[in-house]
Amino acid sequence: MAIEDDDKPRKKVTHEIGQDLSLLSVEELTERIALMNSEIERLQVAMAKKRASKDAANSFFKT
C-alpha cells in the first residue's frame, strides 16, 4: 500500500530574509507571502498594544 502525498507530514513553512527564492515554486512563494503578511499583522497588533500601554502610562503620570 503506497503512502499518499497527503499523508506525509508537511515541512513547516519558514522564511529567512534575503533567502534565495529561485528554487521556490509559485505556490511556495504564495505561502511565503501569506506567512509574511500574517507576521506583519501580528507585529502591528503587538505595536498597537504597546503604544496603548505607553499612552495610558503617560496619561496617568502627567496628571
N, C-alpha and C. Protein backbone atom coordinates (compact mmCIF):
# COMPACT_ATOMS: atom_id res chain seq x y z
N MET A 1 0.85 -1.17 0.00
CA MET A 1 0.00 0.00 0.00
C MET A 1 0.90 1.24 0.00
N ALA A 2 0.75 2.06 -1.00
CA ALA A 2 1.58 3.26 -1.15
C ALA A 2 1.10 4.37 -0.24
N ILE A 3 2.04 5.11 0.26
CA ILE A 3 1.71 6.25 1.11
C ILE A 3 1.36 7.42 0.21
N GLU A 4 0.20 7.99 0.44
CA GLU A 4 -0.23 9.15 -0.35
C GLU A 4 0.56 10.38 0.06
N ASP A 5 0.75 11.30 -0.87
CA ASP A 5 1.45 12.55 -0.56
C ASP A 5 0.75 13.33 0.55
N ASP A 6 -0.59 13.25 0.59
CA ASP A 6 -1.35 13.98 1.61
C ASP A 6 -1.09 13.44 3.01
N ASP A 7 -0.66 12.18 3.10
CA ASP A 7 -0.42 11.56 4.40
C ASP A 7 0.95 11.91 4.97
N LYS A 8 1.84 12.39 4.11
CA LYS A 8 3.18 12.73 4.57
C LYS A 8 3.14 14.04 5.35
N PRO A 9 3.89 14.10 6.44
CA PRO A 9 3.92 15.38 7.18
C PRO A 9 4.58 16.45 6.31
N ARG A 10 3.95 17.63 6.30
CA ARG A 10 4.48 18.74 5.52
C ARG A 10 5.50 19.50 6.34
N LYS A 11 6.52 19.98 5.66
CA LYS A 11 7.51 20.80 6.34
C LYS A 11 6.86 22.12 6.70
N LYS A 12 7.16 22.60 7.87
CA LYS A 12 6.64 23.89 8.30
C LYS A 12 7.25 24.97 7.42
N VAL A 13 6.39 25.84 6.90
CA VAL A 13 6.87 26.91 6.04
C VAL A 13 7.59 27.94 6.90
N THR A 14 8.82 28.21 6.54
CA THR A 14 9.59 29.25 7.21
C THR A 14 10.22 30.11 6.13
N HIS A 15 10.60 31.28 6.51
CA HIS A 15 11.24 32.16 5.56
C HIS A 15 12.36 32.91 6.24
N GLU A 16 13.45 33.03 5.53
CA GLU A 16 14.59 33.77 6.03
C GLU A 16 14.78 35.00 5.14
N ILE A 17 14.89 36.16 5.74
CA ILE A 17 15.08 37.39 4.99
C ILE A 17 16.33 37.26 4.14
N GLY A 18 16.22 37.58 2.86
CA GLY A 18 17.35 37.50 1.95
C GLY A 18 17.58 36.13 1.35
N GLN A 19 16.71 35.19 1.67
CA GLN A 19 16.83 33.82 1.20
C GLN A 19 16.73 33.77 -0.33
N ASP A 20 17.47 32.85 -0.98
CA ASP A 20 17.39 32.65 -2.42
C ASP A 20 16.00 32.12 -2.77
N LEU A 21 15.31 32.83 -3.63
CA LEU A 21 13.93 32.47 -3.98
C LEU A 21 13.84 31.72 -5.31
N SER A 22 14.96 31.55 -5.98
CA SER A 22 14.94 30.98 -7.33
C SER A 22 14.45 29.54 -7.37
N LEU A 23 14.59 28.80 -6.30
CA LEU A 23 14.19 27.39 -6.30
C LEU A 23 12.76 27.17 -5.81
N LEU A 24 12.07 28.24 -5.42
CA LEU A 24 10.71 28.11 -4.90
C LEU A 24 9.69 28.19 -6.03
N SER A 25 8.62 27.42 -5.90
CA SER A 25 7.54 27.45 -6.88
C SER A 25 6.63 28.64 -6.60
N VAL A 26 5.73 28.91 -7.53
CA VAL A 26 4.76 29.99 -7.35
C VAL A 26 3.92 29.72 -6.10
N GLU A 27 3.53 28.47 -5.90
CA GLU A 27 2.73 28.11 -4.72
C GLU A 27 3.51 28.36 -3.43
N GLU A 28 4.78 28.01 -3.45
CA GLU A 28 5.60 28.23 -2.26
C GLU A 28 5.80 29.72 -2.00
N LEU A 29 5.97 30.49 -3.05
CA LEU A 29 6.09 31.94 -2.89
C LEU A 29 4.80 32.53 -2.34
N THR A 30 3.66 32.03 -2.81
CA THR A 30 2.37 32.48 -2.29
C THR A 30 2.24 32.17 -0.81
N GLU A 31 2.68 30.98 -0.40
CA GLU A 31 2.65 30.61 1.02
C GLU A 31 3.55 31.54 1.83
N ARG A 32 4.72 31.87 1.30
CA ARG A 32 5.64 32.77 2.00
C ARG A 32 5.03 34.15 2.16
N ILE A 33 4.37 34.64 1.12
CA ILE A 33 3.73 35.96 1.20
C ILE A 33 2.64 35.95 2.26
N ALA A 34 1.84 34.89 2.30
CA ALA A 34 0.79 34.79 3.32
C ALA A 34 1.41 34.73 4.71
N LEU A 35 2.49 33.99 4.86
CA LEU A 35 3.18 33.89 6.14
C LEU A 35 3.69 35.26 6.58
N MET A 36 4.32 35.97 5.66
CA MET A 36 4.87 37.28 5.99
C MET A 36 3.75 38.29 6.30
N ASN A 37 2.65 38.24 5.55
CA ASN A 37 1.53 39.14 5.82
C ASN A 37 0.94 38.89 7.21
N SER A 38 0.80 37.62 7.59
CA SER A 38 0.26 37.33 8.92
C SER A 38 1.24 37.76 10.00
N GLU A 39 2.53 37.66 9.73
CA GLU A 39 3.52 38.11 10.71
C GLU A 39 3.49 39.63 10.84
N ILE A 40 3.32 40.33 9.73
CA ILE A 40 3.22 41.79 9.78
C ILE A 40 2.00 42.20 10.61
N GLU A 41 0.88 41.54 10.38
CA GLU A 41 -0.33 41.83 11.17
C GLU A 41 -0.08 41.58 12.66
N ARG A 42 0.58 40.49 12.98
CA ARG A 42 0.88 40.16 14.38
C ARG A 42 1.77 41.24 15.01
N LEU A 43 2.75 41.69 14.26
CA LEU A 43 3.63 42.75 14.76
C LEU A 43 2.89 44.06 14.95
N GLN A 44 1.98 44.37 14.04
CA GLN A 44 1.21 45.61 14.16
C GLN A 44 0.29 45.58 15.37
N VAL A 45 -0.30 44.43 15.65
CA VAL A 45 -1.15 44.29 16.84
C VAL A 45 -0.32 44.47 18.11
N ALA A 46 0.86 43.86 18.15
CA ALA A 46 1.73 43.99 19.31
C ALA A 46 2.17 45.44 19.50
N MET A 47 2.48 46.11 18.40
CA MET A 47 2.90 47.51 18.46
C MET A 47 1.75 48.39 18.97
N ALA A 48 0.54 48.13 18.49
CA ALA A 48 -0.61 48.91 18.94
C ALA A 48 -0.85 48.73 20.43
N LYS A 49 -0.71 47.51 20.92
CA LYS A 49 -0.88 47.24 22.35
C LYS A 49 0.17 47.98 23.18
N LYS A 50 1.40 47.96 22.71
CA LYS A 50 2.48 48.65 23.44
C LYS A 50 2.26 50.16 23.44
N ARG A 51 1.82 50.69 22.29
CA ARG A 51 1.55 52.13 22.23
C ARG A 51 0.42 52.51 23.18
N ALA A 52 -0.64 51.69 23.21
CA ALA A 52 -1.77 51.97 24.09
C ALA A 52 -1.33 51.93 25.54
N SER A 53 -0.50 50.97 25.89
CA SER A 53 0.00 50.86 27.25
C SER A 53 0.87 52.06 27.61
N LYS A 54 1.74 52.44 26.68
CA LYS A 54 2.61 53.59 26.91
C LYS A 54 1.79 54.87 27.03
N ASP A 55 0.80 55.05 26.16
CA ASP A 55 -0.05 56.23 26.21
C ASP A 55 -0.83 56.30 27.52
N ALA A 56 -1.32 55.15 27.98
CA ALA A 56 -2.06 55.11 29.24
C ALA A 56 -1.15 55.50 30.40
N ALA A 57 0.08 54.99 30.40
CA ALA A 57 1.03 55.32 31.47
C ALA A 57 1.38 56.81 31.42
N ASN A 58 1.62 57.33 30.22
CA ASN A 58 1.94 58.75 30.09
C ASN A 58 0.79 59.62 30.55
N SER A 59 -0.42 59.22 30.23
CA SER A 59 -1.60 59.98 30.64
C SER A 59 -1.76 59.96 32.16
N PHE A 60 -1.50 58.81 32.76
CA PHE A 60 -1.65 58.67 34.21
C PHE A 60 -0.62 59.52 34.95
N PHE A 61 0.61 59.52 34.48
CA PHE A 61 1.67 60.22 35.19
C PHE A 61 1.77 61.71 34.86
N LYS A 62 1.04 62.17 33.85
CA LYS A 62 1.06 63.59 33.50
C LYS A 62 0.05 64.40 34.32
N THR A 63 -0.81 63.75 35.03
CA THR A 63 -1.84 64.49 35.79
C THR A 63 -1.31 65.16 37.00
